[in-house]
Amino acid sequence: MLTIAKNHMNTAKIIRLMPVAMLGFGLLAVLAVSGRNAYGSALDRPFFRASAIVIVFGGSDFLENGGVGPVATDFYLLDNIPSGQLAPDIIGVDGVTLEFSGGGFTPTSDGTARTNEILRLEGQPNGGVLTNVADFNVLDANDSLTAFGLDNDTDLDLVSFFRISRFYVTSNTAFDIYAHATNLTTTNDFTSLGYADLSYILFSQGTGSASQNPAIGGQGRITAVNDLGDMSSGPTKVFDGGRRTARTPGTILQQAYSFIPIYFISSGEPGNNYDLSQGIGTIGATVTYTIYTP
């Protein structure tokens, strides 16, 4: 207690100042009981920080290895990372892509277990009706094909030479995607083929109800990268982002944007991805997608 003696108009008064309470948010109030108000003040500095975050999700492993999805396999913190450099991934494991159509969040098969091919006849003037007994458009010994007419435009396309998959990105900031092709393998007549014989294109599309196109404000898809040869020497930018994927409040899935890589073997003929003159064989590679700072 603080006691102060004062003389005012020859009359002595005693003013006692007593602390009343320390409030929970740190403000001290003081009450003057003499009838005159006393004021106190205190500073408070609330402070919050939101780090730059990018989450990549797909499958935990290939379907034939028991993989499941969707799972987050990359969690990048982009704070204080110079442009064009790899950010820390606090999960630090590799995932796999998911089926593009009909599979939902089913992990993509790496294709090595496939024994049948998908047939597509093009330019036949009549006939060519495939009766499929098993999976859609997959040839096996139980299937049948009606007689089909031939002319100079009739051709055969093996649809399985297209590989279409997808992975998802959710972010609160702009980001770039780099790709690196490695581990080229070939057999039989395909041993003369290389990375450049595997054509490539990366599409993207909105997925969640709270997402937006992250290409806006950036270059978007890098059109100069059109085969795996363009990304075989090291990580190569394939997507230049300009803003976050999250548009409005929502969950990670609702704020996600999907990226759809498409690969096909080139025959050198416009419109065809395989020609019988290329013979038989297999060709494959590994493409790793990594998030970088813009």
C-alpha atoms as a PDB file:
ATOM      1  CA  MET A   1       0.000   0.000   0.000  1.00  0.00           C
ATOM      2  CA  LEU A   2       1.285   3.498  -0.899  1.00  0.00           C
ATOM      3  CA  THR A   3       0.385   6.415   1.392  1.00  0.00           C
ATOM      4  CA  ILE A   4       0.809  10.002   0.173  1.00  0.00           C
ATOM      5  CA  ALA A   5       0.162  13.074   2.336  1.00  0.00           C
ATOM      6  CA  LYS A   6      -0.923  16.298   0.582  1.00  0.00           C
ATOM      7  CA  ASN A   7      -2.111  19.764   1.697  1.00  0.00           C
ATOM      8  CA  HIS A   8      -4.880  21.306  -0.353  1.00  0.00           C
ATOM      9  CA  MET A   9      -6.705  24.461   0.745  1.00  0.00           C
ATOM     10  CA  ASN A  10      -5.325  23.969   4.258  1.00  0.00           C
ATOM     11  CA  THR A  11      -7.045  20.610   4.493  1.00  0.00           C
ATOM     12  CA  ALA A  12      -4.997  17.455   4.760  1.00  0.00           C
ATOM     13  CA  LYS A  13      -6.161  14.542   2.660  1.00  0.00           C
ATOM     14  CA  ILE A  14      -4.879  11.010   2.511  1.00  0.00           C
ATOM     15  CA  ILE A  15      -4.882   9.347  -0.934  1.00  0.00           C
ATOM     16  CA  ARG A  16      -4.358   5.659  -0.917  1.00  0.00           C
ATOM     17  CA  LEU A  17      -3.513   3.863  -4.240  1.00  0.00           C
ATOM     18  CA  MET A  18      -4.059   0.153  -4.136  1.00  0.00           C
ATOM     19  CA  PRO A  19      -3.564  -2.417  -6.967  1.00  0.00           C
ATOM     20  CA  VAL A  20      -6.908  -4.000  -7.698  1.00  0.00           C
ATOM     21  CA  ALA A  21      -6.131  -7.052  -9.916  1.00  0.00           C
ATOM     22  CA  MET A  22      -3.729  -8.547 -12.428  1.00  0.00           C
ATOM     23  CA  LEU A  23      -5.963  -9.637 -15.288  1.00  0.00           C
ATOM     24  CA  GLY A  24      -5.311 -12.874 -17.195  1.00  0.00           C
ATOM     25  CA  PHE A  25      -4.066 -11.113 -20.326  1.00  0.00           C
ATOM     26  CA  GLY A  26      -1.495  -9.086 -18.505  1.00  0.00           C
ATOM     27  CA  LEU A  27      -3.150  -5.668 -17.854  1.00  0.00           C
ATOM     28  CA  LEU A  28      -2.724  -4.013 -14.446  1.00  0.00           C
ATOM     29  CA  ALA A  29      -5.617  -1.849 -13.296  1.00  0.00           C
ATOM     30  CA  VAL A  30      -5.219   0.783 -10.582  1.00  0.00           C
ATOM     31  CA  LEU A  31      -8.071   2.390  -8.672  1.00  0.00           C
ATOM     32  CA  ALA A  32      -7.891   5.733  -6.919  1.00  0.00           C
ATOM     33  CA  VAL A  33     -10.256   5.833  -3.955  1.00  0.00           C
ATOM     34  CA  SER A  34     -10.048   9.591  -3.613  1.00  0.00           C
ATOM     35  CA  GLY A  35     -12.678  10.227  -6.264  1.00  0.00           C
ATOM     36  CA  ARG A  36     -10.144  11.147  -8.956  1.00  0.00           C
ATOM     37  CA  ASN A  37      -9.372   8.511 -11.670  1.00  0.00           C
ATOM     38  CA  ALA A  38      -5.858   7.142 -12.152  1.00  0.00           C
ATOM     39  CA  TYR A  39      -4.911   5.502 -15.438  1.00  0.00           C
ATOM     40  CA  GLY A  40      -2.340   2.796 -16.209  1.00  0.00           C
ATOM     41  CA  SER A  41      -1.202   1.291 -19.541  1.00  0.00           C
ATOM     42  CA  ALA A  42       0.534  -1.871 -20.751  1.00  0.00           C
ATOM     43  CA  LEU A  43       1.804  -3.112 -24.135  1.00  0.00           C
ATOM     44  CA  ASP A  44       0.811  -6.455 -25.634  1.00  0.00           C
ATOM     45  CA  ARG A  45       2.214  -7.778 -28.915  1.00  0.00           C
ATOM     46  CA  PRO A  46       0.353 -10.797 -30.340  1.00  0.00           C
ATOM     47  CA  PHE A  47       2.418 -12.338 -33.146  1.00  0.00           C
ATOM     48  CA  PHE A  48       1.721 -15.234 -35.511  1.00  0.00           C
ATOM     49  CA  ARG A  49       3.689 -16.774 -38.358  1.00  0.00           C
ATOM     50  CA  ALA A  50       2.473 -19.100 -41.131  1.00  0.00           C
ATOM     51  CA  SER A  51       5.266 -21.000 -42.841  1.00  0.00           C
ATOM     52  CA  ALA A  52       5.271 -21.705 -46.565  1.00  0.00           C
ATOM     53  CA  ILE A  53       4.067 -25.307 -46.916  1.00  0.00           C
ATOM     54  CA  VAL A  54       3.558 -27.663 -49.851  1.00  0.00           C
ATOM     55  CA  ILE A  55       2.080 -31.154 -49.373  1.00  0.00           C
ATOM     56  CA  VAL A  56       2.345 -33.792 -52.103  1.00  0.00           C
ATOM     57  CA  PHE A  57       0.242 -36.927 -51.865  1.00  0.00           C
ATOM     58  CA  GLY A  58      -0.315 -40.058 -53.898  1.00  0.00           C
ATOM     59  CA  GLY A  59       0.121 -43.744 -53.065  1.00  0.00           C
ATOM     60  CA  SER A  60       2.426 -45.346 -50.518  1.00  0.00           C
ATOM     61  CA  ASP A  61       3.710 -47.904 -53.050  1.00  0.00           C
ATOM     62  CA  PHE A  62       2.772 -49.572 -56.331  1.00  0.00           C
ATOM     63  CA  LEU A  63      -0.484 -51.516 -56.294  1.00  0.00           C
ATOM     64  CA  GLU A  64       1.184 -54.891 -56.731  1.00  0.00           C
ATOM     65  CA  ASN A  65       3.339 -54.156 -53.681  1.00  0.00           C
ATOM     66  CA  GLY A  66       0.310 -53.508 -51.500  1.00  0.00           C
ATOM     67  CA  GLY A  67       0.369 -49.720 -51.799  1.00  0.00           C
ATOM     68  CA  VAL A  68      -2.527 -47.619 -50.580  1.00  0.00           C
ATOM     69  CA  GLY A  69      -3.642 -44.038 -51.168  1.00  0.00           C
ATOM     70  CA  PRO A  70      -4.089 -41.261 -50.698  1.00  0.00           C
ATOM     71  CA  VAL A  71      -1.186 -40.678 -48.346  1.00  0.00           C
ATOM     72  CA  ALA A  72       1.066 -37.637 -47.939  1.00  0.00           C
ATOM     73  CA  THR A  73       4.597 -38.609 -48.878  1.00  0.00           C
ATOM     74  CA  ASP A  74       6.197 -35.151 -49.209  1.00  0.00           C
ATOM     75  CA  PHE A  75       5.815 -32.240 -46.811  1.00  0.00           C
ATOM     76  CA  TYR A  76       7.963 -29.313 -47.880  1.00  0.00           C
ATOM     77  CA  LEU A  77       8.779 -26.269 -45.747  1.00  0.00           C
ATOM     78  CA  LEU A  78       9.765 -23.506 -48.152  1.00  0.00           C
ATOM     79  CA  ASP A  79      10.694 -20.772 -45.634  1.00  0.00           C
ATOM     80  CA  ASN A  80      14.115 -19.153 -46.076  1.00  0.00           C
ATOM     81  CA  ILE A  81      15.023 -21.331 -49.064  1.00  0.00           C
ATOM     82  CA  PRO A  82      16.649 -19.488 -51.998  1.00  0.00           C
ATOM     83  CA  SER A  83      14.788 -19.635 -55.294  1.00  0.00           C
ATOM     84  CA  GLY A  84      15.419 -22.780 -57.302  1.00  0.00           C
ATOM     85  CA  GLN A  85      16.725 -24.789 -54.354  1.00  0.00           C
ATOM     86  CA  LEU A  86      15.301 -27.913 -52.791  1.00  0.00           C
ATOM     87  CA  ALA A  87      13.378 -27.358 -49.565  1.00  0.00           C
ATOM     88  CA  PRO A  88      13.466 -29.666 -46.538  1.00  0.00           C
ATOM     89  CA  ASP A  89      10.986 -32.539 -46.744  1.00  0.00           C
ATOM     90  CA  ILE A  90       9.975 -33.377 -43.187  1.00  0.00           C
ATOM     91  CA  ILE A  91       8.501 -36.750 -44.251  1.00  0.00           C
ATOM     92  CA  GLY A  92      11.401 -37.769 -46.459  1.00  0.00           C
ATOM     93  CA  VAL A  93       9.990 -40.814 -48.248  1.00  0.00           C
ATOM     94  CA  ASP A  94       9.075 -41.328 -51.897  1.00  0.00           C
ATOM     95  CA  GLY A  95       5.510 -42.038 -52.977  1.00  0.00           C
ATOM     96  CA  VAL A  96       3.985 -43.214 -56.243  1.00  0.00           C
ATOM     97  CA  THR A  97       1.349 -41.720 -58.512  1.00  0.00           C
ATOM     98  CA  LEU A  98      -2.324 -42.707 -58.560  1.00  0.00           C
ATOM     99  CA  GLU A  99      -4.583 -44.046 -61.306  1.00  0.00           C
ATOM    100  CA  PHE A 100      -5.861 -41.267 -63.542  1.00  0.00           C
ATOM    101  CA  SER A 101      -9.250 -42.665 -64.514  1.00  0.00           C
ATOM    102  CA  GLY A 102     -11.515 -45.189 -62.878  1.00  0.00           C
ATOM    103  CA  GLY A 103      -9.137 -45.841 -60.025  1.00  0.00           C
ATOM    104  CA  GLY A 104      -9.895 -43.023 -57.615  1.00  0.00           C
ATOM    105  CA  PHE A 105      -6.989 -42.995 -55.194  1.00  0.00           C
ATOM    106  CA  THR A 106      -5.695 -46.389 -56.335  1.00  0.00           C
ATOM    107  CA  PRO A 107      -1.883 -46.468 -56.584  1.00  0.00           C
ATOM    108  CA  THR A 108      -0.554 -46.757 -60.122  1.00  0.00           C
ATOM    109  CA  SER A 109       0.917 -50.084 -61.192  1.00  0.00           C
ATOM    110  CA  ASP A 110       4.450 -49.730 -62.532  1.00  0.00           C
ATOM    111  CA  GLY A 111       3.364 -51.816 -65.532  1.00  0.00           C
ATOM    112  CA  THR A 112       5.990 -54.532 -65.258  1.00  0.00           C
ATOM    113  CA  ALA A 113       3.389 -57.151 -64.343  1.00  0.00           C
ATOM    114  CA  ARG A 114       1.218 -56.442 -67.406  1.00  0.00           C
ATOM    115  CA  THR A 115       1.055 -59.376 -69.820  1.00  0.00           C
ATOM    116  CA  ASN A 116      -1.748 -58.186 -72.098  1.00  0.00           C
ATOM    117  CA  GLU A 117      -2.019 -55.084 -74.246  1.00  0.00           C
ATOM    118  CA  ILE A 118      -4.863 -52.727 -75.031  1.00  0.00           C
ATOM    119  CA  LEU A 119      -5.856 -52.737 -78.693  1.00  0.00           C
ATOM    120  CA  ARG A 120      -7.242 -49.829 -80.641  1.00  0.00           C
ATOM    121  CA  LEU A 121      -8.014 -50.104 -84.361  1.00  0.00           C
ATOM    122  CA  GLU A 122      -8.024 -46.807 -86.221  1.00  0.00           C
ATOM    123  CA  GLY A 123      -9.271 -45.930 -89.683  1.00  0.00           C
ATOM    124  CA  GLN A 124     -11.044 -49.223 -90.412  1.00  0.00           C
ATOM    125  CA  PRO A 125     -13.972 -48.650 -92.806  1.00  0.00           C
ATOM    126  CA  ASN A 126     -16.096 -51.331 -91.131  1.00  0.00           C
ATOM    127  CA  GLY A 127     -16.040 -54.050 -88.481  1.00  0.00           C
ATOM    128  CA  GLY A 128     -13.470 -54.363 -85.781  1.00  0.00           C
ATOM    129  CA  VAL A 129     -15.812 -54.950 -82.832  1.00  0.00           C
ATOM    130  CA  LEU A 130     -13.940 -56.288 -79.821  1.00  0.00           C
ATOM    131  CA  THR A 131     -15.806 -58.655 -77.497  1.00  0.00           C
ATOM    132  CA  ASN A 132     -14.117 -58.371 -74.147  1.00  0.00           C
ATOM    133  CA  VAL A 133     -14.536 -61.003 -71.476  1.00  0.00           C
ATOM    134  CA  ALA A 134     -12.250 -59.636 -68.776  1.00  0.00           C
ATOM    135  CA  ASP A 135     -10.953 -56.112 -68.106  1.00  0.00           C
ATOM    136  CA  PHE A 136     -12.084 -53.286 -70.347  1.00  0.00           C
ATOM    137  CA  ASN A 137     -10.234 -53.350 -73.682  1.00  0.00           C
ATOM    138  CA  VAL A 138      -7.517 -55.715 -72.445  1.00  0.00           C
ATOM    139  CA  LEU A 139      -6.816 -58.510 -74.903  1.00  0.00           C
ATOM    140  CA  ASP A 140      -6.599 -62.100 -73.721  1.00  0.00           C
ATOM    141  CA  ALA A 141      -7.303 -65.550 -75.143  1.00  0.00           C
ATOM    142  CA  ASN A 142     -10.986 -65.330 -74.196  1.00  0.00           C
ATOM    143  CA  ASP A 143     -11.648 -62.210 -76.273  1.00  0.00           C
ATOM    144  CA  SER A 144     -12.758 -62.056 -79.894  1.00  0.00           C
ATOM    145  CA  LEU A 145     -12.612 -59.478 -82.675  1.00  0.00           C
ATOM    146  CA  THR A 146     -14.911 -59.315 -85.670  1.00  0.00           C
ATOM    147  CA  ALA A 147     -13.542 -59.003 -89.198  1.00  0.00           C
ATOM    148  CA  PHE A 148     -12.637 -55.433 -90.053  1.00  0.00           C
ATOM    149  CA  GLY A 149     -12.139 -53.641 -93.336  1.00  0.00           C
ATOM    150  CA  LEU A 150      -8.756 -52.330 -94.430  1.00  0.00           C
ATOM    151  CA  ASP A 151      -7.729 -49.299 -96.406  1.00  0.00           C
ATOM    152  CA  ASN A 152      -4.650 -47.083 -96.505  1.00  0.00           C
ATOM    153  CA  ASP A 153      -5.711 -45.340 -93.312  1.00  0.00           C
ATOM    154  CA  THR A 154      -6.316 -48.458 -91.218  1.00  0.00           C
ATOM    155  CA  ASP A 155      -3.796 -48.737 -88.428  1.00  0.00           C
ATOM    156  CA  LEU A 156      -3.140 -50.434 -85.105  1.00  0.00           C
ATOM    157  CA  ASP A 157      -2.535 -48.578 -81.898  1.00  0.00           C
ATOM    158  CA  LEU A 158      -1.495 -50.152 -78.642  1.00  0.00           C
ATOM    159  CA  VAL A 159      -3.138 -47.927 -76.060  1.00  0.00           C
ATOM    160  CA  SER A 160      -1.046 -49.385 -73.270  1.00  0.00           C
ATOM    161  CA  PHE A 161       1.884 -47.435 -74.693  1.00  0.00           C
ATOM    162  CA  PHE A 162       0.155 -44.477 -73.114  1.00  0.00           C
ATOM    163  CA  ARG A 163       0.806 -44.245 -69.380  1.00  0.00           C
ATOM    164  CA  ILE A 164      -1.438 -41.729 -67.642  1.00  0.00           C
ATOM    165  CA  SER A 165      -1.326 -41.144 -63.897  1.00  0.00           C
ATOM    166  CA  ARG A 166      -1.704 -38.315 -61.398  1.00  0.00           C
ATOM    167  CA  PHE A 167      -0.405 -36.903 -58.159  1.00  0.00           C
ATOM    168  CA  TYR A 168      -1.813 -34.136 -55.979  1.00  0.00           C
ATOM    169  CA  VAL A 169      -0.398 -30.954 -54.502  1.00  0.00           C
ATOM    170  CA  THR A 170      -1.835 -28.762 -51.742  1.00  0.00           C
ATOM    171  CA  SER A 171      -0.059 -25.523 -50.867  1.00  0.00           C
ATOM    172  CA  ASN A 172      -0.413 -22.187 -49.120  1.00  0.00           C
ATOM    173  CA  THR A 173       2.207 -20.615 -51.397  1.00  0.00           C
ATOM    174  CA  ALA A 174       3.505 -20.662 -54.958  1.00  0.00           C
ATOM    175  CA  PHE A 175       5.780 -23.541 -55.971  1.00  0.00           C
ATOM    176  CA  ASP A 176       7.615 -25.052 -58.937  1.00  0.00           C
ATOM    177  CA  ILE A 177       7.786 -28.720 -59.953  1.00  0.00           C
ATOM    178  CA  TYR A 178      10.960 -30.304 -61.289  1.00  0.00           C
ATOM    179  CA  ALA A 179      11.218 -33.751 -62.909  1.00  0.00           C
ATOM    180  CA  HIS A 180      14.189 -36.069 -63.375  1.00  0.00           C
ATOM    181  CA  ALA A 181      14.183 -39.196 -65.576  1.00  0.00           C
ATOM    182  CA  THR A 182      16.514 -42.028 -64.541  1.00  0.00           C
ATOM    183  CA  ASN A 183      16.890 -45.816 -64.707  1.00  0.00           C
ATOM    184  CA  LEU A 184      16.137 -46.346 -68.407  1.00  0.00           C
ATOM    185  CA  THR A 185      15.607 -50.044 -69.192  1.00  0.00           C
ATOM    186  CA  THR A 186      15.008 -51.626 -72.613  1.00  0.00           C
ATOM    187  CA  THR A 187      14.704 -55.141 -74.048  1.00  0.00           C
ATOM    188  CA  ASN A 188      14.563 -56.884 -77.443  1.00  0.00           C
ATOM    189  CA  ASP A 189      13.918 -54.543 -80.403  1.00  0.00           C
ATOM    190  CA  PHE A 190      13.623 -51.569 -78.053  1.00  0.00           C
ATOM    191  CA  THR A 191      17.259 -51.626 -77.007  1.00  0.00           C
ATOM    192  CA  SER A 192      17.991 -49.013 -79.658  1.00  0.00           C
ATOM    193  CA  LEU A 193      15.547 -46.587 -78.017  1.00  0.00           C
ATOM    194  CA  GLY A 194      16.488 -43.967 -75.443  1.00  0.00           C
ATOM    195  CA  TYR A 195      14.976 -41.381 -73.114  1.00  0.00           C
ATOM    196  CA  ALA A 196      14.084 -39.121 -76.047  1.00  0.00           C
ATOM    197  CA  ASP A 197      11.845 -41.860 -77.504  1.00  0.00           C
ATOM    198  CA  LEU A 198       9.500 -41.526 -74.533  1.00  0.00           C
ATOM    199  CA  SER A 199       7.353 -38.478 -75.216  1.00  0.00           C
ATOM    200  CA  TYR A 200       5.974 -36.534 -72.282  1.00  0.00           C
ATOM    201  CA  ILE A 201       3.410 -33.920 -71.368  1.00  0.00           C
ATOM    202  CA  LEU A 202       2.222 -32.664 -67.956  1.00  0.00           C
ATOM    203  CA  PHE A 203      -1.381 -31.570 -67.534  1.00  0.00           C
ATOM    204  CA  SER A 204      -3.074 -30.208 -64.425  1.00  0.00           C
ATOM    205  CA  GLN A 205      -6.652 -29.763 -63.321  1.00  0.00           C
ATOM    206  CA  GLY A 206      -8.704 -28.645 -60.352  1.00  0.00           C
ATOM    207  CA  THR A 207      -9.692 -31.318 -57.891  1.00  0.00           C
ATOM    208  CA  GLY A 208     -11.066 -29.993 -54.633  1.00  0.00           C
ATOM    209  CA  SER A 209     -13.942 -27.567 -54.131  1.00  0.00           C
ATOM    210  CA  ALA A 210     -11.611 -25.128 -52.332  1.00  0.00           C
ATOM    211  CA  SER A 211      -8.743 -25.246 -54.847  1.00  0.00           C
ATOM    212  CA  GLN A 212      -7.514 -22.889 -57.542  1.00  0.00           C
ATOM    213  CA  ASN A 213      -5.149 -23.148 -60.505  1.00  0.00           C
ATOM    214  CA  PRO A 214      -1.615 -22.570 -59.157  1.00  0.00           C
ATOM    215  CA  ALA A 215      -0.305 -21.753 -62.659  1.00  0.00           C
ATOM    216  CA  ILE A 216      -1.947 -18.310 -62.617  1.00  0.00           C
ATOM    217  CA  GLY A 217       0.778 -15.719 -62.158  1.00  0.00           C
ATOM    218  CA  GLY A 218       3.476 -18.104 -63.382  1.00  0.00           C
ATOM    219  CA  GLN A 219       4.413 -19.770 -66.641  1.00  0.00           C
ATOM    220  CA  GLY A 220       2.507 -22.948 -65.830  1.00  0.00           C
ATOM    221  CA  ARG A 221       3.464 -26.051 -67.815  1.00  0.00           C
ATOM    222  CA  ILE A 222       6.914 -25.802 -69.396  1.00  0.00           C
ATOM    223  CA  THR A 223       6.174 -26.719 -73.021  1.00  0.00           C
ATOM    224  CA  ALA A 224       9.856 -27.020 -73.953  1.00  0.00           C
ATOM    225  CA  VAL A 225      10.025 -30.279 -71.984  1.00  0.00           C
ATOM    226  CA  ASN A 226       8.331 -32.802 -74.280  1.00  0.00           C
ATOM    227  CA  ASP A 227      10.243 -36.057 -73.800  1.00  0.00           C
ATOM    228  CA  LEU A 228      12.229 -37.772 -71.063  1.00  0.00           C
ATOM    229  CA  GLY A 229      15.457 -36.858 -72.812  1.00  0.00           C
ATOM    230  CA  ASP A 230      14.779 -33.256 -71.829  1.00  0.00           C
ATOM    231  CA  MET A 231      14.881 -34.199 -68.149  1.00  0.00           C
ATOM    232  CA  SER A 232      17.476 -36.990 -68.084  1.00  0.00           C
ATOM    233  CA  SER A 233      20.516 -34.845 -67.230  1.00  0.00           C
ATOM    234  CA  GLY A 234      19.124 -33.695 -63.876  1.00  0.00           C
ATOM    235  CA  PRO A 235      16.088 -32.111 -62.179  1.00  0.00           C
ATOM    236  CA  THR A 236      14.355 -29.986 -64.821  1.00  0.00           C
ATOM    237  CA  LYS A 237      11.526 -27.527 -64.294  1.00  0.00           C
ATOM    238  CA  VAL A 238       8.281 -28.842 -65.771  1.00  0.00           C
ATOM    239  CA  PHE A 239       5.842 -26.523 -63.957  1.00  0.00           C
ATOM    240  CA  ASP A 240       6.264 -22.868 -63.001  1.00  0.00           C
ATOM    241  CA  GLY A 241       3.735 -21.853 -60.364  1.00  0.00           C
ATOM    242  CA  GLY A 242       2.448 -18.402 -59.542  1.00  0.00           C
ATOM    243  CA  ARG A 243       0.167 -18.866 -56.541  1.00  0.00           C
ATOM    244  CA  ARG A 244      -1.071 -21.331 -53.914  1.00  0.00           C
ATOM    245  CA  THR A 245      -3.540 -24.151 -54.592  1.00  0.00           C
ATOM    246  CA  ALA A 246      -5.743 -23.247 -51.594  1.00  0.00           C
ATOM    247  CA  ARG A 247      -8.487 -20.822 -52.675  1.00  0.00           C
ATOM    248  CA  THR A 248     -10.883 -20.855 -49.716  1.00  0.00           C
ATOM    249  CA  PRO A 249     -10.880 -22.511 -46.280  1.00  0.00           C
ATOM    250  CA  GLY A 250     -11.061 -26.295 -46.503  1.00  0.00           C
ATOM    251  CA  THR A 251      -9.294 -29.573 -45.909  1.00  0.00           C
ATOM    252  CA  ILE A 252      -6.095 -30.764 -47.560  1.00  0.00           C
ATOM    253  CA  LEU A 253      -8.108 -32.778 -50.098  1.00  0.00           C
ATOM    254  CA  GLN A 254     -10.497 -29.904 -50.826  1.00  0.00           C
ATOM    255  CA  GLN A 255      -7.597 -27.502 -51.470  1.00  0.00           C
ATOM    256  CA  ALA A 256      -5.635 -29.927 -53.673  1.00  0.00           C
ATOM    257  CA  TYR A 257      -4.778 -29.540 -57.354  1.00  0.00           C
ATOM    258  CA  SER A 258      -3.906 -32.573 -59.460  1.00  0.00           C
ATOM    259  CA  PHE A 259      -1.008 -32.976 -61.883  1.00  0.00           C
ATOM    260  CA  ILE A 260      -1.348 -35.520 -64.680  1.00  0.00           C
ATOM    261  CA  PRO A 261       1.798 -36.798 -66.410  1.00  0.00           C
ATOM    262  CA  ILE A 262       1.265 -38.588 -69.737  1.00  0.00           C
ATOM    263  CA  TYR A 263       3.982 -40.723 -71.371  1.00  0.00           C
ATOM    264  CA  PHE A 264       3.936 -42.500 -74.704  1.00  0.00           C
ATOM    265  CA  ILE A 265       6.416 -44.157 -77.012  1.00  0.00           C
ATOM    266  CA  SER A 266       6.962 -42.207 -80.211  1.00  0.00           C
ATOM    267  CA  SER A 267       7.006 -43.900 -83.588  1.00  0.00           C
ATOM    268  CA  GLY A 268       8.041 -40.814 -85.519  1.00  0.00           C
ATOM    269  CA  GLU A 269       4.670 -40.742 -87.274  1.00  0.00           C
ATOM    270  CA  PRO A 270       2.287 -37.911 -86.371  1.00  0.00           C
ATOM    271  CA  GLY A 271      -0.703 -39.163 -84.395  1.00  0.00           C
ATOM    272  CA  ASN A 272       0.769 -42.603 -83.692  1.00  0.00           C
ATOM    273  CA  ASN A 273       2.483 -43.684 -80.492  1.00  0.00           C
ATOM    274  CA  TYR A 274       3.627 -47.080 -81.753  1.00  0.00           C
ATOM    275  CA  ASP A 275       4.212 -48.687 -85.126  1.00  0.00           C
ATOM    276  CA  LEU A 276       4.603 -52.392 -85.943  1.00  0.00           C
ATOM    277  CA  SER A 277       7.928 -51.594 -87.605  1.00  0.00           C
ATOM    278  CA  GLN A 278       9.359 -50.969 -84.137  1.00  0.00           C
ATOM    279  CA  GLY A 279       9.052 -54.663 -83.337  1.00  0.00           C
ATOM    280  CA  ILE A 280       8.621 -56.043 -79.833  1.00  0.00           C
ATOM    281  CA  GLY A 281      10.225 -55.197 -76.551  1.00  0.00           C
ATOM    282  CA  THR A 282       9.916 -53.194 -73.381  1.00  0.00           C
ATOM    283  CA  ILE A 283      11.079 -49.745 -72.361  1.00  0.00           C
ATOM    284  CA  GLY A 284      10.746 -48.075 -69.005  1.00  0.00           C
ATOM    285  CA  ALA A 285      12.185 -45.360 -66.800  1.00  0.00           C
ATOM    286  CA  THR A 286      11.722 -43.718 -63.419  1.00  0.00           C
ATOM    287  CA  VAL A 287      10.556 -40.085 -63.257  1.00  0.00           C
ATOM    288  CA  THR A 288      10.933 -38.323 -59.907  1.00  0.00           C
ATOM    289  CA  TYR A 289       8.904 -35.158 -59.241  1.00  0.00           C
ATOM    290  CA  THR A 290      10.209 -32.729 -56.650  1.00  0.00           C
ATOM    291  CA  ILE A 291       8.911 -29.415 -55.316  1.00  0.00           C
ATOM    292  CA  TYR A 292      11.243 -26.409 -55.483  1.00  0.00           C
ATOM    293  CA  THR A 293      10.889 -22.794 -54.441  1.00  0.00           C
ATOM    294  CA  PRO A 294       9.780 -20.491 -57.266  1.00  0.00           C
END
